[in-house]
C-alpha atoms as a PDB file:
ATOM      1  CA  MET A   1     -71.308  78.236  58.154  1.00  0.00           C
ATOM      2  CA  ALA A   2     -68.727  78.212  60.946  1.00  0.00           C
ATOM      3  CA  HIS A   3     -69.898  79.470  64.329  1.00  0.00           C
ATOM      4  CA  SER A   4     -66.908  79.454  66.647  1.00  0.00           C
ATOM      5  CA  LEU A   5     -64.106  81.967  66.302  1.00  0.00           C
ATOM      6  CA  SER A   6     -61.511  79.272  65.691  1.00  0.00           C
ATOM      7  CA  ALA A   7     -63.620  77.714  62.931  1.00  0.00           C
ATOM      8  CA  LYS A   8     -64.064  81.112  61.286  1.00  0.00           C
ATOM      9  CA  LYS A   9     -60.315  81.700  61.443  1.00  0.00           C
ATOM     10  CA  ARG A  10     -59.697  78.277  59.924  1.00  0.00           C
ATOM     11  CA  VAL A  11     -61.983  79.167  56.999  1.00  0.00           C
ATOM     12  CA  ARG A  12     -59.960  82.343  56.405  1.00  0.00           C
ATOM     13  CA  GLN A  13     -56.689  80.394  56.578  1.00  0.00           C
ATOM     14  CA  ASN A  14     -57.961  77.773  54.160  1.00  0.00           C
ATOM     15  CA  LEU A  15     -58.945  80.427  51.630  1.00  0.00           C
ATOM     16  CA  LYS A  16     -55.474  81.961  51.725  1.00  0.00           C
ATOM     17  CA  ALA A  17     -53.735  78.586  51.499  1.00  0.00           C
ATOM     18  CA  ARG A  18     -55.929  77.548  48.583  1.00  0.00           C
ATOM     19  CA  ALA A  19     -55.081  80.743  46.712  1.00  0.00           C
ATOM     20  CA  ARG A  20     -51.355  80.226  47.340  1.00  0.00           C
ATOM     21  CA  ASN A  21     -51.472  76.587  46.230  1.00  0.00           C
ATOM     22  CA  ARG A  22     -53.397  77.440  43.071  1.00  0.00           C
ATOM     23  CA  ALA A  23     -50.909  80.184  42.191  1.00  0.00           C
ATOM     24  CA  ARG A  24     -47.955  77.843  42.673  1.00  0.00           C
ATOM     25  CA  LYS A  25     -49.555  75.112  40.586  1.00  0.00           C
ATOM     26  CA  GLU A  26     -50.298  77.657  37.867  1.00  0.00           C
ATOM     27  CA  LEU A  27     -46.609  78.582  37.745  1.00  0.00           C
ATOM     28  CA  VAL A  28     -45.753  74.899  37.267  1.00  0.00           C
ATOM     29  CA  LYS A  29     -48.320  74.620  34.465  1.00  0.00           C
ATOM     30  CA  ASN A  30     -46.833  77.636  32.694  1.00  0.00           C
ATOM     31  CA  GLN A  31     -43.330  76.150  32.934  1.00  0.00           C
ATOM     32  CA  LEU A  32     -44.660  72.865  31.544  1.00  0.00           C
ATOM     33  CA  LYS A  33     -46.227  74.680  28.610  1.00  0.00           C
ATOM     34  CA  SER A  34     -42.929  76.317  27.686  1.00  0.00           C
ATOM     35  CA  PHE A  35     -41.199  72.916  27.923  1.00  0.00           C
ATOM     36  CA  ASN A  36     -43.841  71.355  25.676  1.00  0.00           C
ATOM     37  CA  VAL A  37     -43.416  74.135  23.116  1.00  0.00           C
ATOM     38  CA  ALA A  38     -39.656  73.542  23.055  1.00  0.00           C
ATOM     39  CA  VAL A  39     -40.126  69.780  22.631  1.00  0.00           C
ATOM     40  CA  THR A  40     -42.698  70.075  19.853  1.00  0.00           C
ATOM     41  CA  SER A  41     -40.495  72.558  18.004  1.00  0.00           C
ATOM     42  CA  GLY A  42     -37.656  70.021  18.168  1.00  0.00           C
ATOM     43  CA  ASP A  43     -35.181  72.403  19.822  1.00  0.00           C
ATOM     44  CA  PHE A  44     -33.203  70.087  22.096  1.00  0.00           C
ATOM     45  CA  ASN A  45     -31.087  72.787  23.796  1.00  0.00           C
ATOM     46  CA  LYS A  46     -34.109  74.921  24.649  1.00  0.00           C
ATOM     47  CA  ALA A  47     -36.025  71.856  25.850  1.00  0.00           C
ATOM     48  CA  GLU A  48     -33.124  70.866  28.083  1.00  0.00           C
ATOM     49  CA  THR A  49     -33.009  74.352  29.601  1.00  0.00           C
ATOM     50  CA  GLU A  50     -36.775  74.313  30.108  1.00  0.00           C
ATOM     51  CA  LEU A  51     -36.582  70.885  31.751  1.00  0.00           C
ATOM     52  CA  ARG A  52     -34.146  72.262  34.321  1.00  0.00           C
ATOM     53  CA  ALA A  53     -36.473  75.200  34.963  1.00  0.00           C
ATOM     54  CA  VAL A  54     -39.502  72.906  35.357  1.00  0.00           C
ATOM     55  CA  ALA A  55     -37.622  70.579  37.714  1.00  0.00           C
ATOM     56  CA  SER A  56     -36.501  73.529  39.817  1.00  0.00           C
ATOM     57  CA  ARG A  57     -40.033  74.922  39.971  1.00  0.00           C
ATOM     58  CA  LEU A  58     -41.426  71.498  40.938  1.00  0.00           C
ATOM     59  CA  ASP A  59     -38.868  71.181  43.736  1.00  0.00           C
ATOM     60  CA  LYS A  60     -39.797  74.597  45.099  1.00  0.00           C
ATOM     61  CA  VAL A  61     -43.520  73.823  45.009  1.00  0.00           C
ATOM     62  CA  VAL A  62     -42.927  70.497  46.767  1.00  0.00           C
ATOM     63  CA  ALA A  63     -40.840  72.219  49.441  1.00  0.00           C
ATOM     64  CA  LYS A  64     -43.791  74.510  50.178  1.00  0.00           C
ATOM     65  CA  GLY A  65     -46.179  71.561  50.405  1.00  0.00           C
ATOM     66  CA  SER A  66     -48.401  72.438  47.447  1.00  0.00           C
ATOM     67  CA  LEU A  67     -47.577  69.198  45.611  1.00  0.00           C
ATOM     68  CA  HIS A  68     -46.680  65.754  46.867  1.00  0.00           C
ATOM     69  CA  LYS A  69     -43.050  64.771  46.320  1.00  0.00           C
ATOM     70  CA  ASN A  70     -43.983  61.638  44.382  1.00  0.00           C
ATOM     71  CA  THR A  71     -46.196  63.651  42.046  1.00  0.00           C
ATOM     72  CA  ALA A  72     -43.275  65.952  41.270  1.00  0.00           C
ATOM     73  CA  ALA A  73     -40.931  62.986  40.824  1.00  0.00           C
ATOM     74  CA  ARG A  74     -43.377  61.356  38.405  1.00  0.00           C
ATOM     75  CA  LYS A  75     -43.700  64.545  36.375  1.00  0.00           C
ATOM     76  CA  ARG A  76     -39.914  65.030  36.269  1.00  0.00           C
ATOM     77  CA  SER A  77     -39.431  61.449  35.154  1.00  0.00           C
ATOM     78  CA  ARG A  78     -41.953  61.714  32.337  1.00  0.00           C
ATOM     79  CA  LEU A  79     -40.495  65.011  31.140  1.00  0.00           C
ATOM     80  CA  ALA A  80     -36.978  63.575  31.136  1.00  0.00           C
ATOM     81  CA  LYS A  81     -38.287  60.616  29.168  1.00  0.00           C
ATOM     82  CA  ARG A  82     -39.708  62.980  26.531  1.00  0.00           C
ATOM     83  CA  LEU A  83     -36.421  64.869  26.385  1.00  0.00           C
ATOM     84  CA  ASN A  84     -34.484  61.645  25.887  1.00  0.00           C
ATOM     85  CA  THR A  85     -36.873  60.640  23.110  1.00  0.00           C
ATOM     86  CA  LEU A  86     -36.251  64.014  21.495  1.00  0.00           C
ATOM     87  CA  ARG A  87     -32.504  63.452  21.751  1.00  0.00           C
ATOM     88  CA  LYS A  88     -32.694  59.995  20.127  1.00  0.00           C
ATOM     89  CA  THR A  89     -35.082  60.798  17.308  1.00  0.00           C
ATOM     90  CA  GLY A  90     -33.990  64.332  16.570  1.00  0.00           C
ATOM     91  CA  GLY A  91     -37.395  65.819  17.354  1.00  0.00           C
ATOM     92  CA  LYS A  92     -39.826  63.691  15.345  1.00  0.00           C
ATOM     93  CA  ALA A  93     -41.368  61.170  17.729  1.00  0.00           C
ATOM     94  CA  ALA A  94     -41.130  63.352  20.847  1.00  0.00           C
ATOM     95  CA  ALA A  95     -43.838  65.641  19.562  1.00  0.00           C
ATOM     96  CA  LYS A  96     -46.267  62.713  19.573  1.00  0.00           C
ATOM     97  CA  ALA A  97     -45.362  61.353  23.018  1.00  0.00           C
END
């Protein structure tokens, strides 16, 4: 357990930051789920809209420092790849990827 006042304050700050980061990451996960639902249903227009929403959410989370920028870039790239697969195949193979 922390003894000095500054160490105790740091513990309090870390708890708040952890809660904020977890909440932000949860929002990203929820956006990803809605994108995945759109892709598996084969609805290209909805998936494209969801991809924009996910990318926007990722950018906001990165700007706040909750995710690393390369992590967000990797996720965006993989999601765009799935969307392009959906576009090419008409919704059949994208559900598997």
